[in-house]
């Protein structure tokens, strides 16, 4: 092993010490069907213009849909929506089955009951390492009261 190369397990364990919120990023396919994926690599980028970013693994099947679309949505999950996070992280399932959602600006699917919503227009996609980084301008956003679902040390948590 290269002594200057970071050990993957150490890197994962260190990253797991950073608490994150949990989001579901969503997109429509060419026929207007909704698709989504659980994402905890979400952050604000800029206030002016308002921008966010999400990162999607190159091995993710949904990546091609995000690459084809000019718009996507992000829903910040509420503390009691762990089941949504788990569902949207599964491979091969109809992730939207039984999950209430609404159409946001540009038709992007937004998960009902979430505590914040972002409708986004893709500004730039950067491939780096094993992920694609989507930088997007926020074209609409809203929020509701509630507490976030958190992810820390590879487990879900709630604020105390």
N, C-alpha and C. Protein backbone atom coordinates (compact mmCIF):
# COMPACT_ATOMS: atom_id res chain seq x y z
N UNK A 1 0.84 -1.18 0.00
CA UNK A 1 0.00 0.00 0.00
C UNK A 1 0.89 1.25 0.00
N UNK A 2 0.46 2.22 -0.76
CA UNK A 2 1.17 3.50 -0.84
C UNK A 2 1.04 4.20 0.51
N UNK A 3 2.16 4.53 1.17
CA UNK A 3 2.09 5.17 2.50
C UNK A 3 1.48 6.57 2.46
N UNK A 4 1.37 7.16 1.27
CA UNK A 4 0.80 8.50 1.14
C UNK A 4 -0.68 8.46 0.77
N UNK A 5 -1.21 7.27 0.60
CA UNK A 5 -2.62 7.11 0.22
C UNK A 5 -3.47 6.83 1.46
N UNK A 6 -4.57 7.49 1.56
CA UNK A 6 -5.47 7.34 2.70
C UNK A 6 -6.14 5.98 2.66
N UNK A 7 -6.15 5.29 3.77
CA UNK A 7 -6.86 4.02 3.95
C UNK A 7 -8.36 4.31 3.91
N UNK A 8 -9.11 3.60 3.05
CA UNK A 8 -10.55 3.85 2.86
C UNK A 8 -11.34 3.71 4.15
N UNK A 9 -11.02 2.68 4.94
CA UNK A 9 -11.77 2.45 6.19
C UNK A 9 -11.56 3.60 7.17
N UNK A 10 -10.34 4.08 7.29
CA UNK A 10 -10.06 5.22 8.18
C UNK A 10 -10.81 6.44 7.69
N UNK A 11 -10.76 6.67 6.39
CA UNK A 11 -11.45 7.83 5.82
C UNK A 11 -12.95 7.76 6.10
N UNK A 12 -13.56 6.59 5.88
CA UNK A 12 -14.99 6.42 6.16
C UNK A 12 -15.32 6.68 7.62
N UNK A 13 -14.51 6.12 8.50
CA UNK A 13 -14.78 6.31 9.94
C UNK A 13 -14.65 7.77 10.35
N UNK A 14 -13.68 8.45 9.79
CA UNK A 14 -13.53 9.88 10.11
C UNK A 14 -14.71 10.68 9.57
N UNK A 15 -15.14 10.40 8.34
CA UNK A 15 -16.29 11.10 7.77
C UNK A 15 -17.57 10.81 8.55
N UNK A 16 -17.70 9.62 9.12
CA UNK A 16 -18.87 9.24 9.89
C UNK A 16 -19.00 10.07 11.17
N UNK A 17 -17.93 10.75 11.56
CA UNK A 17 -17.96 11.60 12.75
C UNK A 17 -18.55 12.97 12.46
N UNK A 18 -18.88 13.22 11.21
CA UNK A 18 -19.51 14.48 10.83
C UNK A 18 -21.01 14.23 10.72
N UNK A 19 -21.78 14.84 11.60
CA UNK A 19 -23.23 14.67 11.58
C UNK A 19 -23.81 15.43 10.39
N UNK A 20 -24.73 14.78 9.68
CA UNK A 20 -25.38 15.42 8.54
C UNK A 20 -26.89 15.28 8.65
N UNK A 21 -27.57 16.15 7.97
CA UNK A 21 -28.99 15.98 7.76
C UNK A 21 -29.17 14.94 6.66
N UNK A 22 -30.40 14.52 6.47
CA UNK A 22 -30.69 13.53 5.44
C UNK A 22 -31.67 14.14 4.45
N UNK A 23 -31.34 14.02 3.18
CA UNK A 23 -32.21 14.55 2.13
C UNK A 23 -32.54 13.46 1.13
N UNK A 24 -33.58 13.71 0.36
CA UNK A 24 -33.90 12.90 -0.80
C UNK A 24 -33.84 13.83 -2.01
N UNK A 25 -32.96 13.49 -2.96
CA UNK A 25 -32.86 14.25 -4.20
C UNK A 25 -33.74 13.55 -5.23
N UNK A 26 -34.51 14.33 -5.99
CA UNK A 26 -35.50 13.76 -6.89
C UNK A 26 -35.40 14.37 -8.27
N UNK A 27 -35.87 13.59 -9.24
CA UNK A 27 -35.81 14.01 -10.64
C UNK A 27 -36.93 13.30 -11.39
N UNK A 28 -37.33 13.87 -12.52
CA UNK A 28 -38.31 13.22 -13.39
C UNK A 28 -37.58 12.60 -14.57
N UNK A 29 -38.06 11.42 -15.02
CA UNK A 29 -37.49 10.83 -16.23
C UNK A 29 -38.20 11.42 -17.45
N UNK A 30 -37.83 10.96 -18.63
CA UNK A 30 -38.39 11.50 -19.88
C UNK A 30 -39.90 11.34 -19.98
N UNK A 31 -40.45 10.33 -19.30
CA UNK A 31 -41.90 10.12 -19.35
C UNK A 31 -42.64 10.81 -18.21
N UNK A 32 -41.91 11.56 -17.38
CA UNK A 32 -42.54 12.29 -16.29
C UNK A 32 -42.68 11.50 -15.00
N UNK A 33 -42.08 10.30 -14.94
CA UNK A 33 -42.12 9.48 -13.72
C UNK A 33 -41.08 9.99 -12.72
N UNK A 34 -41.45 10.04 -11.43
CA UNK A 34 -40.50 10.52 -10.42
C UNK A 34 -39.50 9.44 -10.01
N UNK A 35 -38.29 9.88 -9.72
CA UNK A 35 -37.23 9.00 -9.21
C UNK A 35 -36.50 9.79 -8.13
N UNK A 36 -35.95 9.06 -7.16
CA UNK A 36 -35.24 9.75 -6.09
C UNK A 36 -34.21 8.87 -5.44
N UNK A 37 -33.34 9.51 -4.68
CA UNK A 37 -32.25 8.82 -4.00
C UNK A 37 -31.92 9.55 -2.70
N UNK A 38 -31.63 8.80 -1.65
CA UNK A 38 -31.21 9.39 -0.39
C UNK A 38 -29.82 9.98 -0.56
N UNK A 39 -29.67 11.22 -0.09
CA UNK A 39 -28.40 11.94 -0.23
C UNK A 39 -28.10 12.65 1.08
N UNK A 40 -26.92 12.40 1.65
CA UNK A 40 -26.53 13.21 2.80
C UNK A 40 -25.36 14.13 2.44
N UNK A 41 -24.88 14.03 1.20
CA UNK A 41 -23.87 14.98 0.73
C UNK A 41 -24.58 16.13 0.03
N UNK A 42 -25.11 17.02 0.84
CA UNK A 42 -25.87 18.19 0.42
C UNK A 42 -25.34 19.37 1.20
N UNK A 43 -25.14 20.48 0.54
CA UNK A 43 -24.72 21.68 1.26
C UNK A 43 -25.06 22.92 0.45
N UNK A 44 -25.14 24.04 1.14
CA UNK A 44 -25.29 25.31 0.44
C UNK A 44 -23.93 25.69 -0.14
N UNK A 45 -23.96 26.38 -1.26
CA UNK A 45 -22.73 26.80 -1.93
C UNK A 45 -22.62 28.31 -1.94
N UNK A 46 -23.72 28.98 -2.27
CA UNK A 46 -23.68 30.43 -2.46
C UNK A 46 -25.03 31.04 -2.07
N UNK A 47 -24.97 32.24 -1.52
CA UNK A 47 -26.19 32.97 -1.20
C UNK A 47 -26.64 33.82 -2.39
N UNK A 48 -25.67 34.33 -3.15
CA UNK A 48 -25.99 35.17 -4.29
C UNK A 48 -25.13 34.79 -5.49
N UNK A 49 -25.65 34.02 -6.44
CA UNK A 49 -27.01 33.50 -6.49
C UNK A 49 -27.17 32.34 -5.51
N UNK A 50 -28.41 32.03 -5.11
CA UNK A 50 -28.62 30.91 -4.19
C UNK A 50 -28.28 29.59 -4.89
N UNK A 51 -27.29 28.88 -4.35
CA UNK A 51 -26.87 27.61 -4.93
C UNK A 51 -26.65 26.56 -3.85
N UNK A 52 -26.89 25.30 -4.23
CA UNK A 52 -26.62 24.15 -3.37
C UNK A 52 -25.83 23.15 -4.20
N UNK A 53 -25.34 22.11 -3.53
CA UNK A 53 -24.75 21.01 -4.26
C UNK A 53 -25.16 19.70 -3.64
N UNK A 54 -25.19 18.68 -4.48
CA UNK A 54 -25.37 17.29 -4.05
C UNK A 54 -24.32 16.46 -4.76
N UNK A 55 -23.97 15.33 -4.18
CA UNK A 55 -23.02 14.42 -4.80
C UNK A 55 -23.69 13.07 -5.00
N UNK A 56 -23.53 12.51 -6.20
CA UNK A 56 -24.10 11.20 -6.54
C UNK A 56 -22.99 10.27 -6.99
N UNK A 57 -23.01 9.06 -6.47
CA UNK A 57 -22.01 8.04 -6.79
C UNK A 57 -22.10 7.66 -8.27
N UNK A 58 -20.94 7.52 -8.90
CA UNK A 58 -20.92 7.13 -10.31
C UNK A 58 -21.58 5.77 -10.55
N UNK A 59 -21.63 4.91 -9.54
CA UNK A 59 -22.24 3.59 -9.71
C UNK A 59 -23.76 3.61 -9.52
N UNK A 60 -24.30 4.74 -9.14
CA UNK A 60 -25.74 4.87 -8.91
C UNK A 60 -26.51 4.81 -10.23
N UNK A 61 -27.54 3.98 -10.27
CA UNK A 61 -28.36 3.86 -11.48
C UNK A 61 -29.11 5.15 -11.81
N UNK A 62 -29.42 5.92 -10.80
CA UNK A 62 -30.20 7.14 -11.00
C UNK A 62 -29.36 8.28 -11.57
N UNK A 63 -28.04 8.15 -11.52
CA UNK A 63 -27.15 9.21 -11.98
C UNK A 63 -27.47 9.65 -13.41
N UNK A 64 -27.75 8.70 -14.28
CA UNK A 64 -28.02 9.05 -15.69
C UNK A 64 -29.25 9.95 -15.81
N UNK A 65 -30.24 9.76 -14.94
CA UNK A 65 -31.43 10.62 -14.97
C UNK A 65 -31.10 12.05 -14.55
N UNK A 66 -30.27 12.18 -13.53
CA UNK A 66 -29.85 13.51 -13.08
C UNK A 66 -29.01 14.19 -14.16
N UNK A 67 -28.16 13.43 -14.83
CA UNK A 67 -27.32 14.02 -15.90
C UNK A 67 -28.17 14.52 -17.07
N UNK A 68 -29.30 13.88 -17.33
CA UNK A 68 -30.17 14.25 -18.46
C UNK A 68 -31.10 15.42 -18.13
N UNK A 69 -31.35 15.64 -16.87
CA UNK A 69 -32.36 16.63 -16.47
C UNK A 69 -31.74 18.00 -16.19
N UNK A 70 -32.47 19.03 -16.54
CA UNK A 70 -32.04 20.40 -16.23
C UNK A 70 -32.44 20.81 -14.82
N UNK A 71 -33.35 20.05 -14.20
CA UNK A 71 -33.89 20.41 -12.89
C UNK A 71 -33.94 19.19 -11.97
N UNK A 72 -33.84 19.44 -10.68
CA UNK A 72 -34.05 18.39 -9.68
C UNK A 72 -34.56 19.03 -8.40
N UNK A 73 -35.07 18.20 -7.51
CA UNK A 73 -35.57 18.67 -6.23
C UNK A 73 -34.78 18.06 -5.09
N UNK A 74 -34.82 18.73 -3.95
CA UNK A 74 -34.22 18.20 -2.73
C UNK A 74 -35.21 18.43 -1.59
N UNK A 75 -35.49 17.36 -0.84
CA UNK A 75 -36.35 17.44 0.33
C UNK A 75 -35.54 17.08 1.55
N UNK A 76 -35.51 17.95 2.55
CA UNK A 76 -34.80 17.70 3.81
C UNK A 76 -35.76 16.94 4.73
N UNK A 77 -35.38 15.71 5.07
CA UNK A 77 -36.31 14.84 5.80
C UNK A 77 -36.47 15.24 7.26
N UNK A 78 -37.71 15.04 7.73
CA UNK A 78 -38.08 15.28 9.13
C UNK A 78 -37.67 14.06 9.97
N UNK A 79 -37.49 14.24 11.24
CA UNK A 79 -36.97 13.19 12.12
C UNK A 79 -37.77 11.89 12.10
N UNK A 80 -39.04 11.94 11.75
CA UNK A 80 -39.85 10.71 11.71
C UNK A 80 -39.94 10.12 10.30
N UNK A 81 -39.07 10.56 9.38
CA UNK A 81 -39.10 10.06 8.01
C UNK A 81 -37.92 9.13 7.69
N UNK A 82 -37.43 8.44 8.68
CA UNK A 82 -36.34 7.49 8.47
C UNK A 82 -36.73 6.43 7.44
N UNK A 83 -38.00 6.00 7.45
CA UNK A 83 -38.44 5.00 6.48
C UNK A 83 -38.29 5.51 5.05
N UNK A 84 -38.51 6.80 4.82
CA UNK A 84 -38.31 7.37 3.48
C UNK A 84 -36.82 7.31 3.10
N UNK A 85 -35.97 7.65 4.04
CA UNK A 85 -34.53 7.60 3.77
C UNK A 85 -34.10 6.19 3.39
N UNK A 86 -34.57 5.21 4.14
CA UNK A 86 -34.23 3.81 3.87
C UNK A 86 -34.78 3.38 2.52
N UNK A 87 -36.01 3.74 2.22
CA UNK A 87 -36.64 3.36 0.94
C UNK A 87 -35.88 3.94 -0.24
N UNK A 88 -35.51 5.21 -0.17
CA UNK A 88 -34.84 5.86 -1.29
C UNK A 88 -33.36 5.46 -1.40
N UNK A 89 -32.85 4.77 -0.40
CA UNK A 89 -31.48 4.25 -0.46
C UNK A 89 -31.43 2.85 -1.07
N UNK A 90 -32.60 2.18 -1.17
CA UNK A 90 -32.66 0.80 -1.70
C UNK A 90 -32.46 0.78 -3.21
N UNK A 91 -31.86 -0.29 -3.68
CA UNK A 91 -31.68 -0.49 -5.12
C UNK A 91 -32.87 -1.28 -5.68
N UNK A 92 -33.29 -0.91 -6.87
CA UNK A 92 -34.27 -1.71 -7.60
C UNK A 92 -35.72 -1.58 -7.17
N UNK A 93 -36.00 -0.87 -6.10
CA UNK A 93 -37.39 -0.76 -5.63
C UNK A 93 -38.08 0.43 -6.29
N UNK A 94 -39.42 0.38 -6.31
CA UNK A 94 -40.19 1.55 -6.72
C UNK A 94 -40.19 2.47 -5.50
N UNK A 95 -39.25 3.36 -5.47
CA UNK A 95 -39.01 4.17 -4.28
C UNK A 95 -40.17 5.08 -3.92
N UNK A 96 -40.96 5.49 -4.89
CA UNK A 96 -42.06 6.40 -4.60
C UNK A 96 -43.34 5.69 -4.20
N UNK A 97 -43.37 4.36 -4.26
CA UNK A 97 -44.59 3.63 -3.90
C UNK A 97 -44.95 3.92 -2.45
N UNK A 98 -46.13 4.49 -2.25
CA UNK A 98 -46.62 4.79 -0.91
C UNK A 98 -46.01 6.04 -0.28
N UNK A 99 -45.20 6.78 -1.02
CA UNK A 99 -44.58 7.99 -0.47
C UNK A 99 -45.29 9.21 -1.07
N UNK A 100 -45.99 9.97 -0.24
CA UNK A 100 -46.68 11.14 -0.77
C UNK A 100 -45.69 12.23 -1.19
N UNK A 101 -45.96 12.80 -2.35
CA UNK A 101 -45.11 13.88 -2.85
C UNK A 101 -45.96 14.85 -3.65
N UNK A 102 -45.37 16.00 -3.92
CA UNK A 102 -46.04 17.02 -4.72
C UNK A 102 -45.06 17.53 -5.77
N UNK A 103 -45.59 18.15 -6.79
CA UNK A 103 -44.75 18.74 -7.83
C UNK A 103 -44.35 20.14 -7.41
N UNK A 104 -43.05 20.38 -7.38
CA UNK A 104 -42.54 21.72 -7.13
C UNK A 104 -42.35 22.46 -8.44
N UNK A 105 -41.67 23.58 -8.37
CA UNK A 105 -41.39 24.36 -9.58
C UNK A 105 -40.67 23.49 -10.60
N UNK A 106 -41.02 23.65 -11.86
CA UNK A 106 -40.50 22.84 -12.97
C UNK A 106 -40.90 21.37 -12.84
N UNK A 107 -41.88 21.09 -11.97
CA UNK A 107 -42.40 19.74 -11.83
C UNK A 107 -41.58 18.80 -10.97
N UNK A 108 -40.50 19.30 -10.36
CA UNK A 108 -39.65 18.39 -9.58
C UNK A 108 -40.43 17.80 -8.42
N UNK A 109 -40.29 16.50 -8.18
CA UNK A 109 -41.00 15.86 -7.07
C UNK A 109 -40.40 16.29 -5.72
N UNK A 110 -41.28 16.63 -4.77
CA UNK A 110 -40.85 17.01 -3.42
C UNK A 110 -41.62 16.15 -2.42
N UNK A 111 -40.92 15.57 -1.46
CA UNK A 111 -41.49 14.63 -0.49
C UNK A 111 -42.35 15.38 0.53
N UNK A 112 -43.62 15.02 0.62
CA UNK A 112 -44.52 15.64 1.60
C UNK A 112 -44.02 15.36 3.02
N UNK A 113 -44.21 16.34 3.89
CA UNK A 113 -43.84 16.18 5.28
C UNK A 113 -42.40 16.53 5.60
N UNK A 114 -41.58 16.77 4.57
CA UNK A 114 -40.19 17.17 4.81
C UNK A 114 -40.18 18.56 5.44
N UNK A 115 -39.03 18.96 5.99
CA UNK A 115 -38.98 20.26 6.68
C UNK A 115 -38.43 21.39 5.81
N UNK A 116 -37.83 21.05 4.67
CA UNK A 116 -37.38 22.07 3.73
C UNK A 116 -37.38 21.47 2.33
N UNK A 117 -37.61 22.35 1.35
CA UNK A 117 -37.73 21.92 -0.04
C UNK A 117 -36.95 22.87 -0.93
N UNK A 118 -36.28 22.31 -1.92
CA UNK A 118 -35.53 23.10 -2.89
C UNK A 118 -35.85 22.59 -4.29
N UNK A 119 -36.26 23.49 -5.17
CA UNK A 119 -36.36 23.19 -6.59
C UNK A 119 -35.15 23.84 -7.23
N UNK A 120 -34.41 23.05 -8.03
CA UNK A 120 -33.10 23.50 -8.50
C UNK A 120 -32.93 23.37 -10.00
N UNK A 121 -32.14 24.27 -10.56
CA UNK A 121 -31.73 24.21 -11.96
C UNK A 121 -30.23 23.90 -11.98
N UNK A 122 -29.86 22.85 -12.68
CA UNK A 122 -28.46 22.44 -12.73
C UNK A 122 -27.62 23.56 -13.35
N UNK A 123 -26.56 23.97 -12.66
CA UNK A 123 -25.65 24.99 -13.17
C UNK A 123 -24.37 24.36 -13.69
N UNK A 124 -23.92 23.30 -13.00
CA UNK A 124 -22.65 22.68 -13.36
C UNK A 124 -22.58 21.28 -12.78
N UNK A 125 -21.96 20.37 -13.50
CA UNK A 125 -21.70 19.02 -13.00
C UNK A 125 -20.20 18.79 -13.09
N UNK A 126 -19.61 18.41 -11.97
CA UNK A 126 -18.17 18.17 -11.91
C UNK A 126 -17.96 16.72 -11.49
N UNK A 127 -17.21 15.97 -12.28
CA UNK A 127 -16.86 14.61 -11.90
C UNK A 127 -15.57 14.66 -11.10
N UNK A 128 -15.61 14.07 -9.91
CA UNK A 128 -14.44 14.05 -9.05
C UNK A 128 -14.41 12.74 -8.28
N UNK A 129 -13.30 12.01 -8.39
CA UNK A 129 -13.22 10.72 -7.73
C UNK A 129 -14.33 9.82 -8.22
N UNK A 130 -15.05 9.19 -7.29
CA UNK A 130 -16.11 8.26 -7.67
C UNK A 130 -17.50 8.88 -7.62
N UNK A 131 -17.57 10.21 -7.61
CA UNK A 131 -18.86 10.90 -7.54
C UNK A 131 -18.99 11.99 -8.60
N UNK A 132 -20.24 12.33 -8.90
CA UNK A 132 -20.56 13.50 -9.71
C UNK A 132 -21.13 14.54 -8.76
N UNK A 133 -20.60 15.74 -8.85
CA UNK A 133 -21.04 16.85 -7.99
C UNK A 133 -21.95 17.74 -8.82
N UNK A 134 -23.20 17.86 -8.39
CA UNK A 134 -24.18 18.69 -9.08
C UNK A 134 -24.30 20.00 -8.32
N UNK A 135 -23.87 21.08 -8.95
CA UNK A 135 -24.03 22.42 -8.39
C UNK A 135 -25.25 23.01 -9.08
N UNK A 136 -26.18 23.51 -8.29
CA UNK A 136 -27.45 23.95 -8.87
C UNK A 136 -27.91 25.27 -8.26
N UNK A 137 -28.56 26.06 -9.11
CA UNK A 137 -29.18 27.28 -8.65
C UNK A 137 -30.54 26.94 -8.07
N UNK A 138 -30.84 27.44 -6.90
CA UNK A 138 -32.15 27.22 -6.27
C UNK A 138 -33.12 28.21 -6.90
N UNK A 139 -34.16 27.67 -7.54
CA UNK A 139 -35.16 28.52 -8.20
C UNK A 139 -36.42 28.68 -7.35
N UNK A 140 -36.55 27.84 -6.32
CA UNK A 140 -37.67 27.96 -5.39
C UNK A 140 -37.30 27.18 -4.13
N UNK A 141 -37.71 27.67 -2.99
CA UNK A 141 -37.44 26.98 -1.72
C UNK A 141 -38.54 27.33 -0.73
N UNK A 142 -38.79 26.40 0.17
CA UNK A 142 -39.75 26.65 1.25
C UNK A 142 -39.39 25.75 2.42
N UNK A 143 -39.96 26.06 3.58
CA UNK A 143 -39.68 25.27 4.78
C UNK A 143 -40.92 25.21 5.64
N UNK A 144 -40.93 24.22 6.53
CA UNK A 144 -41.99 24.08 7.52
C UNK A 144 -41.33 23.81 8.86
N UNK A 145 -42.09 23.93 9.91
CA UNK A 145 -41.57 23.63 11.24
C UNK A 145 -41.31 22.13 11.37
N UNK A 146 -40.37 21.78 12.17
CA UNK A 146 -40.09 20.38 12.42
C UNK A 146 -38.62 20.18 12.76
N UNK A 147 -38.30 18.96 13.15
CA UNK A 147 -36.93 18.63 13.53
C UNK A 147 -36.35 17.70 12.47
N UNK A 148 -35.05 17.85 12.19
CA UNK A 148 -34.44 17.08 11.10
C UNK A 148 -34.08 15.66 11.49
N UNK A 149 -34.08 14.79 10.50
CA UNK A 149 -33.50 13.45 10.63
C UNK A 149 -31.99 13.63 10.47
N UNK A 150 -31.22 13.06 11.39
CA UNK A 150 -29.77 13.21 11.37
C UNK A 150 -29.09 11.86 11.15
N UNK A 151 -27.90 11.92 10.58
CA UNK A 151 -27.10 10.72 10.34
C UNK A 151 -25.71 10.97 10.93
N UNK A 152 -25.31 10.07 11.85
CA UNK A 152 -24.03 10.22 12.54
C UNK A 152 -23.52 8.84 12.93
N UNK A 153 -22.24 8.59 12.71
CA UNK A 153 -21.62 7.30 12.99
C UNK A 153 -22.38 6.16 12.33
N UNK A 154 -22.79 6.40 11.08
CA UNK A 154 -23.47 5.41 10.23
C UNK A 154 -24.82 4.95 10.80
N UNK A 155 -25.46 5.80 11.58
CA UNK A 155 -26.79 5.49 12.13
C UNK A 155 -27.64 6.76 12.13
N UNK A 156 -28.96 6.55 12.15
CA UNK A 156 -29.88 7.67 12.24
C UNK A 156 -29.97 8.14 13.68
N UNK A 157 -30.17 9.45 13.86
CA UNK A 157 -30.31 10.04 15.19
C UNK A 157 -31.37 11.13 15.14
N UNK A 158 -31.78 11.53 16.32
CA UNK A 158 -32.70 12.66 16.48
C UNK A 158 -32.09 13.65 17.44
N UNK A 159 -32.43 14.92 17.26
CA UNK A 159 -32.00 15.94 18.21
C UNK A 159 -32.62 15.62 19.56
N UNK A 160 -31.92 15.89 20.60
CA UNK A 160 -32.43 15.66 21.96
C UNK A 160 -33.05 16.91 22.52
